[in-house]
Amino acid sequence: MSAEQAKLRVQNLLKKREDLENEIVSGRQGLRKLGVGMKEALVDKQGFPRADVDVHTIRILRNKIIRLQTDFQLVSTEIEEAMLGYHKHLKAAASTVQTTQSSTSEKRKTQLRKNVKKEILEEHERLMRGNPKMDRAAALQMAIESVKAARRKGGNGRTGVEGAERSGEEEKREEKEEKKDLASLYGHLKPFLNVQKVWDGSPSKRAGLRADDLILKFGSVVQASQQGLKELVMHSRNTKVEVIVLRGQEYKKVILIPMKWAGQGLLGCYLTPV
């Protein structure tokens, strides 16, 4: 598969996931019109079907939404794999330098892995101490993303070993390639949300969102009402959501995990329509 074919596959999968998300939102809106959600009982205290709602239609809608949610997760996994393949194509085409392996570099890589594991465990413990009611699996995923983001930014003194693995030129080249990739994939999108404020300690803060970021894509959604976005956030609770933002003139990708935290809501940021 060529790089162009890989890119087309990513775009097709993104469109497929967007269609699934729209169907899910539409299905949930249909349930609300019928006076129920996904969990309300459809039988009365005596065990008979409720007479105040259309039980048959509700069951059909609920089953459809469950199937769509399963398809949504499968397509999301396909997108991650397709994006990885696309980036490998671009890096292979742009790379002109063969890196040599040595015993020293292997030792450094081993040390790097140990350091990363230690940082993740420490961050996980810190999160659980700050919010004991937080889901442990979600907290672990959040810790992983937090450490990855910190290493990309070179913060907290965590880049010593990693910096020994790659030269400054390689890092700059990879960063430049990533920006070109994002611009190529999402440059045609228009912002639909503005990040007015991000609260400290929130999922949005840990993901790397900043005030004045313009959101181009939230999960599979590239345009949504406040209600539609709320539905998406609730549906994505404790799962990774890819968010594409325009920060000044640069395109950025952050991984946000909507979840309960010490503050209000699942995001911890204030969004307004553009």
C-alpha atoms as a PDB file:
ATOM      1  CA  MET A   1       0.000   0.000   0.000  1.00  0.00           C
ATOM      2  CA  SER A   2       1.375   3.408  -0.975  1.00  0.00           C
ATOM      3  CA  ALA A   3       1.390   6.462   1.285  1.00  0.00           C
ATOM      4  CA  GLU A   4      -1.457   7.987  -0.748  1.00  0.00           C
ATOM      5  CA  GLN A   5      -3.548   4.819  -0.399  1.00  0.00           C
ATOM      6  CA  ALA A   6      -2.833   4.750   3.347  1.00  0.00           C
ATOM      7  CA  LYS A   7      -3.947   8.380   3.629  1.00  0.00           C
ATOM      8  CA  LEU A   8      -7.156   7.652   1.690  1.00  0.00           C
ATOM      9  CA  ARG A   9      -7.899   4.699   3.978  1.00  0.00           C
ATOM     10  CA  VAL A  10      -7.539   6.933   7.041  1.00  0.00           C
ATOM     11  CA  GLN A  11      -9.886   9.535   5.556  1.00  0.00           C
ATOM     12  CA  ASN A  12     -12.481   6.881   4.630  1.00  0.00           C
ATOM     13  CA  LEU A  13     -12.367   5.380   8.123  1.00  0.00           C
ATOM     14  CA  LEU A  14     -12.739   8.830   9.711  1.00  0.00           C
ATOM     15  CA  LYS A  15     -15.818   9.444   7.549  1.00  0.00           C
ATOM     16  CA  LYS A  16     -17.223   6.028   8.506  1.00  0.00           C
ATOM     17  CA  ARG A  17     -16.723   6.752  12.213  1.00  0.00           C
ATOM     18  CA  GLU A  18     -18.312  10.182  11.827  1.00  0.00           C
ATOM     19  CA  ASP A  19     -21.390   8.592  10.208  1.00  0.00           C
ATOM     20  CA  LEU A  20     -21.626   6.061  13.057  1.00  0.00           C
ATOM     21  CA  GLU A  21     -21.365   8.830  15.653  1.00  0.00           C
ATOM     22  CA  ASN A  22     -24.131  10.800  13.949  1.00  0.00           C
ATOM     23  CA  GLU A  23     -26.344   7.693  13.942  1.00  0.00           C
ATOM     24  CA  ILE A  24     -25.681   7.143  17.662  1.00  0.00           C
ATOM     25  CA  VAL A  25     -26.583  10.746  18.482  1.00  0.00           C
ATOM     26  CA  SER A  26     -29.694  10.493  16.316  1.00  0.00           C
ATOM     27  CA  GLY A  27     -30.722   7.255  18.048  1.00  0.00           C
ATOM     28  CA  ARG A  28     -30.318   8.780  21.501  1.00  0.00           C
ATOM     29  CA  GLN A  29     -32.359  11.787  20.413  1.00  0.00           C
ATOM     30  CA  GLY A  30     -35.039   9.364  19.235  1.00  0.00           C
ATOM     31  CA  LEU A  31     -35.098   7.720  22.672  1.00  0.00           C
ATOM     32  CA  ARG A  32     -35.449  11.103  24.375  1.00  0.00           C
ATOM     33  CA  LYS A  33     -38.462  11.871  22.204  1.00  0.00           C
ATOM     34  CA  LEU A  34     -39.963   8.605  23.434  1.00  0.00           C
ATOM     35  CA  GLY A  35     -39.375   9.694  27.010  1.00  0.00           C
ATOM     36  CA  VAL A  36     -36.550   7.310  27.959  1.00  0.00           C
ATOM     37  CA  GLY A  37     -32.795   6.779  27.734  1.00  0.00           C
ATOM     38  CA  MET A  38     -30.698   3.624  27.508  1.00  0.00           C
ATOM     39  CA  LYS A  39     -31.252   2.330  31.055  1.00  0.00           C
ATOM     40  CA  GLU A  40     -34.827   3.007  32.170  1.00  0.00           C
ATOM     41  CA  ALA A  41     -36.925  -0.065  32.919  1.00  0.00           C
ATOM     42  CA  LEU A  42     -39.587  -0.950  30.353  1.00  0.00           C
ATOM     43  CA  VAL A  43     -41.760  -2.999  32.720  1.00  0.00           C
ATOM     44  CA  ASP A  44     -43.866  -1.858  35.660  1.00  0.00           C
ATOM     45  CA  LYS A  45     -43.665  -3.078  39.244  1.00  0.00           C
ATOM     46  CA  GLN A  46     -45.852  -6.058  38.369  1.00  0.00           C
ATOM     47  CA  GLY A  47     -43.507  -7.092  35.572  1.00  0.00           C
ATOM     48  CA  PHE A  48     -45.816  -6.063  32.729  1.00  0.00           C
ATOM     49  CA  PRO A  49     -44.696  -3.892  29.759  1.00  0.00           C
ATOM     50  CA  ARG A  50     -45.174  -0.213  30.536  1.00  0.00           C
ATOM     51  CA  ALA A  51     -48.297   1.273  28.983  1.00  0.00           C
ATOM     52  CA  ASP A  52     -46.978   4.849  28.937  1.00  0.00           C
ATOM     53  CA  VAL A  53     -44.197   4.255  26.392  1.00  0.00           C
ATOM     54  CA  ASP A  54     -43.704   2.477  23.049  1.00  0.00           C
ATOM     55  CA  VAL A  55     -41.785  -0.518  24.409  1.00  0.00           C
ATOM     56  CA  HIS A  56     -41.294  -2.218  21.021  1.00  0.00           C
ATOM     57  CA  THR A  57     -39.815   0.847  19.321  1.00  0.00           C
ATOM     58  CA  ILE A  58     -37.608   1.629  22.329  1.00  0.00           C
ATOM     59  CA  ARG A  59     -36.130  -1.883  22.335  1.00  0.00           C
ATOM     60  CA  ILE A  60     -35.374  -1.665  18.613  1.00  0.00           C
ATOM     61  CA  LEU A  61     -33.656   1.721  19.075  1.00  0.00           C
ATOM     62  CA  ARG A  62     -31.642   0.545  22.064  1.00  0.00           C
ATOM     63  CA  ASN A  63     -30.415  -2.565  20.219  1.00  0.00           C
ATOM     64  CA  LYS A  64     -29.471  -0.425  17.225  1.00  0.00           C
ATOM     65  CA  ILE A  65     -27.500   2.007  19.407  1.00  0.00           C
ATOM     66  CA  ILE A  66     -25.636  -0.866  21.100  1.00  0.00           C
ATOM     67  CA  ARG A  67     -24.642  -2.288  17.682  1.00  0.00           C
ATOM     68  CA  LEU A  68     -23.543   1.171  16.506  1.00  0.00           C
ATOM     69  CA  GLN A  69     -21.441   1.683  19.643  1.00  0.00           C
ATOM     70  CA  THR A  70     -19.684  -1.629  19.018  1.00  0.00           C
ATOM     71  CA  ASP A  71     -19.025  -0.683  15.389  1.00  0.00           C
ATOM     72  CA  PHE A  72     -17.768   2.731  16.564  1.00  0.00           C
ATOM     73  CA  GLN A  73     -15.161   1.133  18.844  1.00  0.00           C
ATOM     74  CA  LEU A  74     -14.024  -1.279  16.110  1.00  0.00           C
ATOM     75  CA  VAL A  75     -13.635   1.520  13.566  1.00  0.00           C
ATOM     76  CA  SER A  76     -11.748   3.623  16.132  1.00  0.00           C
ATOM     77  CA  THR A  77      -9.262   0.783  16.526  1.00  0.00           C
ATOM     78  CA  GLU A  78      -8.937   0.517  12.748  1.00  0.00           C
ATOM     79  CA  ILE A  79      -8.255   4.263  12.548  1.00  0.00           C
ATOM     80  CA  GLU A  80      -5.437   4.049  15.089  1.00  0.00           C
ATOM     81  CA  GLU A  81      -3.834   1.211  13.106  1.00  0.00           C
ATOM     82  CA  ALA A  82      -4.334   3.028   9.799  1.00  0.00           C
ATOM     83  CA  MET A  83      -2.849   6.265  11.177  1.00  0.00           C
ATOM     84  CA  LEU A  84       0.181   4.342  12.434  1.00  0.00           C
ATOM     85  CA  GLY A  85       0.639   2.771   9.003  1.00  0.00           C
ATOM     86  CA  TYR A  86       0.305   6.149   7.283  1.00  0.00           C
ATOM     87  CA  HIS A  87       2.901   7.765   9.529  1.00  0.00           C
ATOM     88  CA  LYS A  88       5.287   4.871   8.912  1.00  0.00           C
ATOM     89  CA  HIS A  89       4.944   5.440   5.164  1.00  0.00           C
ATOM     90  CA  LEU A  90       5.757   9.124   5.531  1.00  0.00           C
ATOM     91  CA  LYS A  91       8.713   8.522   7.819  1.00  0.00           C
ATOM     92  CA  ALA A  92      10.100   5.828   5.529  1.00  0.00           C
ATOM     93  CA  ALA A  93       9.825   8.149   2.529  1.00  0.00           C
ATOM     94  CA  ALA A  94      11.439  11.082   4.346  1.00  0.00           C
ATOM     95  CA  SER A  95      14.143   9.189   6.196  1.00  0.00           C
ATOM     96  CA  THR A  96      17.612   9.202   4.644  1.00  0.00           C
ATOM     97  CA  VAL A  97      19.647   8.133   7.648  1.00  0.00           C
ATOM     98  CA  GLN A  98      20.124   4.592   8.912  1.00  0.00           C
ATOM     99  CA  THR A  99      20.583   4.443  12.671  1.00  0.00           C
ATOM    100  CA  THR A 100      23.115   1.966  14.002  1.00  0.00           C
ATOM    101  CA  GLN A 101      22.507  -0.236  16.967  1.00  0.00           C
ATOM    102  CA  SER A 102      25.105  -0.634  19.681  1.00  0.00           C
ATOM    103  CA  SER A 103      25.292  -2.128  23.123  1.00  0.00           C
ATOM    104  CA  THR A 104      25.369   1.386  24.566  1.00  0.00           C
ATOM    105  CA  SER A 105      22.167   2.404  22.789  1.00  0.00           C
ATOM    106  CA  GLU A 106      20.480  -0.824  23.917  1.00  0.00           C
ATOM    107  CA  LYS A 107      21.352  -0.027  27.521  1.00  0.00           C
ATOM    108  CA  ARG A 108      19.979   3.470  27.060  1.00  0.00           C
ATOM    109  CA  LYS A 109      16.751   2.126  25.603  1.00  0.00           C
ATOM    110  CA  THR A 110      16.390  -0.288  28.518  1.00  0.00           C
ATOM    111  CA  GLN A 111      16.931   2.573  30.960  1.00  0.00           C
ATOM    112  CA  LEU A 112      14.453   4.708  29.067  1.00  0.00           C
ATOM    113  CA  ARG A 113      11.770   2.033  29.348  1.00  0.00           C
ATOM    114  CA  LYS A 114      12.409   1.727  33.094  1.00  0.00           C
ATOM    115  CA  ASN A 115      12.204   5.491  33.531  1.00  0.00           C
ATOM    116  CA  VAL A 116       8.949   5.744  31.587  1.00  0.00           C
ATOM    117  CA  LYS A 117       7.378   2.893  33.566  1.00  0.00           C
ATOM    118  CA  LYS A 118       8.419   4.520  36.839  1.00  0.00           C
ATOM    119  CA  GLU A 119       7.011   7.912  35.788  1.00  0.00           C
ATOM    120  CA  ILE A 120       3.700   6.355  34.748  1.00  0.00           C
ATOM    121  CA  LEU A 121       3.316   4.504  38.063  1.00  0.00           C
ATOM    122  CA  GLU A 122       4.180   7.641  40.042  1.00  0.00           C
ATOM    123  CA  GLU A 123       1.678   9.713  38.045  1.00  0.00           C
ATOM    124  CA  HIS A 124      -0.973   7.014  38.502  1.00  0.00           C
ATOM    125  CA  GLU A 125      -0.467   7.002  42.277  1.00  0.00           C
ATOM    126  CA  ARG A 126      -0.630  10.807  42.360  1.00  0.00           C
ATOM    127  CA  LEU A 127      -3.908  10.802  40.444  1.00  0.00           C
ATOM    128  CA  MET A 128      -5.464   8.198  42.738  1.00  0.00           C
ATOM    129  CA  ARG A 129      -4.375  10.109  45.855  1.00  0.00           C
ATOM    130  CA  GLY A 130      -5.935  13.284  44.507  1.00  0.00           C
ATOM    131  CA  ASN A 131      -9.197  11.567  43.518  1.00  0.00           C
ATOM    132  CA  PRO A 132      -9.694   8.196  45.287  1.00  0.00           C
ATOM    133  CA  LYS A 133     -13.033   7.623  43.527  1.00  0.00           C
ATOM    134  CA  MET A 134     -11.438   7.766  40.073  1.00  0.00           C
ATOM    135  CA  ASP A 135     -11.615   4.569  38.013  1.00  0.00           C
ATOM    136  CA  ARG A 136      -8.163   2.945  38.302  1.00  0.00           C
ATOM    137  CA  ALA A 137      -8.029   1.849  34.652  1.00  0.00           C
ATOM    138  CA  ALA A 138      -9.019   5.313  33.454  1.00  0.00           C
ATOM    139  CA  ALA A 139      -6.468   6.876  35.807  1.00  0.00           C
ATOM    140  CA  LEU A 140      -3.747   4.602  34.414  1.00  0.00           C
ATOM    141  CA  GLN A 141      -4.614   5.596  30.840  1.00  0.00           C
ATOM    142  CA  MET A 142      -4.594   9.237  31.893  1.00  0.00           C
ATOM    143  CA  ALA A 143      -1.173   8.786  33.539  1.00  0.00           C
ATOM    144  CA  ILE A 144       0.215   7.224  30.343  1.00  0.00           C
ATOM    145  CA  GLU A 145      -1.021  10.114  28.204  1.00  0.00           C
ATOM    146  CA  SER A 146       0.267  12.659  30.742  1.00  0.00           C
ATOM    147  CA  VAL A 147       3.781  11.167  30.731  1.00  0.00           C
ATOM    148  CA  LYS A 148       3.805  10.940  26.935  1.00  0.00           C
ATOM    149  CA  ALA A 149       2.747  14.590  26.646  1.00  0.00           C
ATOM    150  CA  ALA A 150       5.399  15.688  29.169  1.00  0.00           C
ATOM    151  CA  ARG A 151       8.118  13.828  27.265  1.00  0.00           C
ATOM    152  CA  ARG A 152       7.052  15.342  23.962  1.00  0.00           C
ATOM    153  CA  LYS A 153       7.276  18.804  25.492  1.00  0.00           C
ATOM    154  CA  GLY A 154      10.588  17.984  27.177  1.00  0.00           C
ATOM    155  CA  GLY A 155       9.222  19.023  30.575  1.00  0.00           C
ATOM    156  CA  ASN A 156      10.051  17.951  34.135  1.00  0.00           C
ATOM    157  CA  GLY A 157      13.589  16.937  33.208  1.00  0.00           C
ATOM    158  CA  ARG A 158      12.387  13.720  31.563  1.00  0.00           C
ATOM    159  CA  THR A 159      14.222  14.005  28.277  1.00  0.00           C
ATOM    160  CA  GLY A 160      17.794  13.206  29.350  1.00  0.00           C
ATOM    161  CA  VAL A 161      17.832   9.554  28.247  1.00  0.00           C
ATOM    162  CA  GLU A 162      15.482  10.114  25.356  1.00  0.00           C
ATOM    163  CA  GLY A 163      17.633  12.986  24.143  1.00  0.00           C
ATOM    164  CA  ALA A 164      20.626  10.665  24.092  1.00  0.00           C
ATOM    165  CA  GLU A 165      18.694   8.330  21.801  1.00  0.00           C
ATOM    166  CA  ARG A 166      17.892  10.895  19.141  1.00  0.00           C
ATOM    167  CA  SER A 167      19.773  13.882  17.847  1.00  0.00           C
ATOM    168  CA  GLY A 168      18.249  17.334  17.911  1.00  0.00           C
ATOM    169  CA  GLU A 169      17.973  17.297  14.134  1.00  0.00           C
ATOM    170  CA  GLU A 170      15.959  14.065  14.160  1.00  0.00           C
ATOM    171  CA  GLU A 171      13.551  15.449  16.749  1.00  0.00           C
ATOM    172  CA  LYS A 172      13.024  18.630  14.756  1.00  0.00           C
ATOM    173  CA  ARG A 173      12.491  16.646  11.565  1.00  0.00           C
ATOM    174  CA  GLU A 174       9.931  14.352  13.188  1.00  0.00           C
ATOM    175  CA  GLU A 175       8.093  17.308  14.726  1.00  0.00           C
ATOM    176  CA  LYS A 176       8.021  19.043  11.351  1.00  0.00           C
ATOM    177  CA  GLU A 177       6.719  15.882   9.654  1.00  0.00           C
ATOM    178  CA  GLU A 178       3.965  15.494  12.241  1.00  0.00           C
ATOM    179  CA  LYS A 179       2.827  19.085  11.711  1.00  0.00           C
ATOM    180  CA  LYS A 180       2.767  18.535   7.932  1.00  0.00           C
ATOM    181  CA  ASP A 181       0.761  15.331   8.407  1.00  0.00           C
ATOM    182  CA  LEU A 182      -1.838  17.064  10.561  1.00  0.00           C
ATOM    183  CA  ALA A 183      -2.089  20.012   8.175  1.00  0.00           C
ATOM    184  CA  SER A 184      -2.514  17.616   5.245  1.00  0.00           C
ATOM    185  CA  LEU A 185      -5.247  15.598   6.962  1.00  0.00           C
ATOM    186  CA  TYR A 186      -7.172  18.377   8.691  1.00  0.00           C
ATOM    187  CA  GLY A 187      -6.230  21.619   6.929  1.00  0.00           C
ATOM    188  CA  HIS A 188      -9.595  21.692   5.145  1.00  0.00           C
ATOM    189  CA  LEU A 189     -11.580  21.699   8.414  1.00  0.00           C
ATOM    190  CA  LYS A 190     -13.001  24.848   9.977  1.00  0.00           C
ATOM    191  CA  PRO A 191     -12.966  25.463  13.767  1.00  0.00           C
ATOM    192  CA  PHE A 192     -16.319  24.945  15.447  1.00  0.00           C
ATOM    193  CA  LEU A 193     -15.375  25.329  19.133  1.00  0.00           C
ATOM    194  CA  ASN A 194     -13.169  27.778  21.003  1.00  0.00           C
ATOM    195  CA  VAL A 195     -11.443  26.797  24.257  1.00  0.00           C
ATOM    196  CA  GLN A 196     -12.081  29.783  26.533  1.00  0.00           C
ATOM    197  CA  LYS A 197     -10.612  28.356  29.733  1.00  0.00           C
ATOM    198  CA  VAL A 198      -8.907  25.185  30.997  1.00  0.00           C
ATOM    199  CA  TRP A 199      -8.971  24.382  34.708  1.00  0.00           C
ATOM    200  CA  ASP A 200      -5.877  23.097  36.492  1.00  0.00           C
ATOM    201  CA  GLY A 201      -5.920  19.397  37.323  1.00  0.00           C
ATOM    202  CA  SER A 202      -8.665  18.688  34.776  1.00  0.00           C
ATOM    203  CA  PRO A 203      -8.665  16.036  32.024  1.00  0.00           C
ATOM    204  CA  SER A 204      -8.342  18.829  29.444  1.00  0.00           C
ATOM    205  CA  LYS A 205      -5.318  20.312  31.224  1.00  0.00           C
ATOM    206  CA  ARG A 206      -3.588  16.954  31.392  1.00  0.00           C
ATOM    207  CA  ALA A 207      -4.339  16.268  27.742  1.00  0.00           C
ATOM    208  CA  GLY A 208      -2.582  19.512  26.774  1.00  0.00           C
ATOM    209  CA  LEU A 209      -5.506  21.725  25.739  1.00  0.00           C
ATOM    210  CA  ARG A 210      -4.896  25.448  26.176  1.00  0.00           C
ATOM    211  CA  ALA A 211      -7.043  28.549  26.317  1.00  0.00           C
ATOM    212  CA  ASP A 212      -7.619  30.040  22.837  1.00  0.00           C
ATOM    213  CA  ASP A 213      -7.178  26.650  21.114  1.00  0.00           C
ATOM    214  CA  LEU A 214      -9.626  26.302  18.213  1.00  0.00           C
ATOM    215  CA  ILE A 215     -11.106  22.821  17.965  1.00  0.00           C
ATOM    216  CA  LEU A 216     -11.338  21.429  14.426  1.00  0.00           C
ATOM    217  CA  LYS A 217     -12.251  17.862  15.307  1.00  0.00           C
ATOM    218  CA  PHE A 218     -13.474  16.226  18.525  1.00  0.00           C
ATOM    219  CA  GLY A 219     -13.394  12.465  18.161  1.00  0.00           C
ATOM    220  CA  SER A 220     -15.139  11.914  14.847  1.00  0.00           C
ATOM    221  CA  VAL A 221     -17.153  15.144  15.052  1.00  0.00           C
ATOM    222  CA  VAL A 222     -16.168  18.148  12.956  1.00  0.00           C
ATOM    223  CA  GLN A 223     -19.355  20.132  13.585  1.00  0.00           C
ATOM    224  CA  ALA A 224     -21.814  19.784  16.430  1.00  0.00           C
ATOM    225  CA  SER A 225     -24.356  21.602  18.553  1.00  0.00           C
ATOM    226  CA  GLN A 226     -23.815  21.945  22.291  1.00  0.00           C
ATOM    227  CA  GLN A 227     -26.259  19.055  22.843  1.00  0.00           C
ATOM    228  CA  GLY A 228     -24.538  16.904  20.231  1.00  0.00           C
ATOM    229  CA  LEU A 229     -21.151  17.497  21.846  1.00  0.00           C
ATOM    230  CA  LYS A 230     -22.557  16.688  25.274  1.00  0.00           C
ATOM    231  CA  GLU A 231     -23.849  13.379  23.911  1.00  0.00           C
ATOM    232  CA  LEU A 232     -20.424  12.587  22.464  1.00  0.00           C
ATOM    233  CA  VAL A 233     -18.613  13.403  25.712  1.00  0.00           C
ATOM    234  CA  MET A 234     -20.962  11.200  27.738  1.00  0.00           C
ATOM    235  CA  HIS A 235     -20.574   8.390  25.201  1.00  0.00           C
ATOM    236  CA  SER A 236     -16.754   8.709  25.340  1.00  0.00           C
ATOM    237  CA  ARG A 237     -16.428   8.683  29.122  1.00  0.00           C
ATOM    238  CA  ASN A 238     -13.202   6.973  30.296  1.00  0.00           C
ATOM    239  CA  THR A 239     -12.075   6.349  26.692  1.00  0.00           C
ATOM    240  CA  LYS A 240      -9.485   8.152  24.565  1.00  0.00           C
ATOM    241  CA  VAL A 241     -10.782  10.906  22.274  1.00  0.00           C
ATOM    242  CA  GLU A 242      -8.542  12.357  19.577  1.00  0.00           C
ATOM    243  CA  VAL A 243      -8.870  16.148  19.469  1.00  0.00           C
ATOM    244  CA  ILE A 244      -7.382  18.207  16.626  1.00  0.00           C
ATOM    245  CA  VAL A 245      -6.853  21.887  17.404  1.00  0.00           C
ATOM    246  CA  LEU A 246      -5.479  24.934  15.656  1.00  0.00           C
ATOM    247  CA  ARG A 247      -3.103  26.760  17.989  1.00  0.00           C
ATOM    248  CA  GLY A 248      -2.064  29.991  16.345  1.00  0.00           C
ATOM    249  CA  GLN A 249      -0.901  28.788  12.912  1.00  0.00           C
ATOM    250  CA  GLU A 250      -0.027  25.253  14.027  1.00  0.00           C
ATOM    251  CA  TYR A 251      -2.127  22.091  14.007  1.00  0.00           C
ATOM    252  CA  LYS A 252      -1.936  20.017  17.190  1.00  0.00           C
ATOM    253  CA  LYS A 253      -3.275  16.623  18.202  1.00  0.00           C
ATOM    254  CA  VAL A 254      -4.115  15.840  21.817  1.00  0.00           C
ATOM    255  CA  ILE A 255      -5.614  12.740  23.379  1.00  0.00           C
ATOM    256  CA  LEU A 256      -8.367  13.636  25.836  1.00  0.00           C
ATOM    257  CA  ILE A 257     -10.044  11.196  28.241  1.00  0.00           C
ATOM    258  CA  PRO A 258     -13.404  12.546  29.481  1.00  0.00           C
ATOM    259  CA  MET A 259     -13.750  11.434  33.097  1.00  0.00           C
ATOM    260  CA  LYS A 260     -14.799  12.470  36.576  1.00  0.00           C
ATOM    261  CA  TRP A 261     -12.309  14.688  38.352  1.00  0.00           C
ATOM    262  CA  ALA A 262     -12.277  17.068  41.323  1.00  0.00           C
ATOM    263  CA  GLY A 263     -14.159  19.765  39.388  1.00  0.00           C
ATOM    264  CA  GLN A 264     -17.413  19.868  37.436  1.00  0.00           C
ATOM    265  CA  GLY A 265     -18.152  17.961  34.224  1.00  0.00           C
ATOM    266  CA  LEU A 266     -15.987  15.416  32.443  1.00  0.00           C
ATOM    267  CA  LEU A 267     -13.655  17.770  30.518  1.00  0.00           C
ATOM    268  CA  GLY A 268     -12.671  20.599  32.831  1.00  0.00           C
ATOM    269  CA  CYS A 269     -12.694  23.283  30.160  1.00  0.00           C
ATOM    270  CA  TYR A 270     -15.092  25.984  28.992  1.00  0.00           C
ATOM    271  CA  LEU A 271     -16.014  25.729  25.312  1.00  0.00           C
ATOM    272  CA  THR A 272     -17.940  28.224  23.183  1.00  0.00           C
ATOM    273  CA  PRO A 273     -19.107  27.958  19.540  1.00  0.00           C
ATOM    274  CA  VAL A 274     -16.964  29.744  16.989  1.00  0.00           C
END
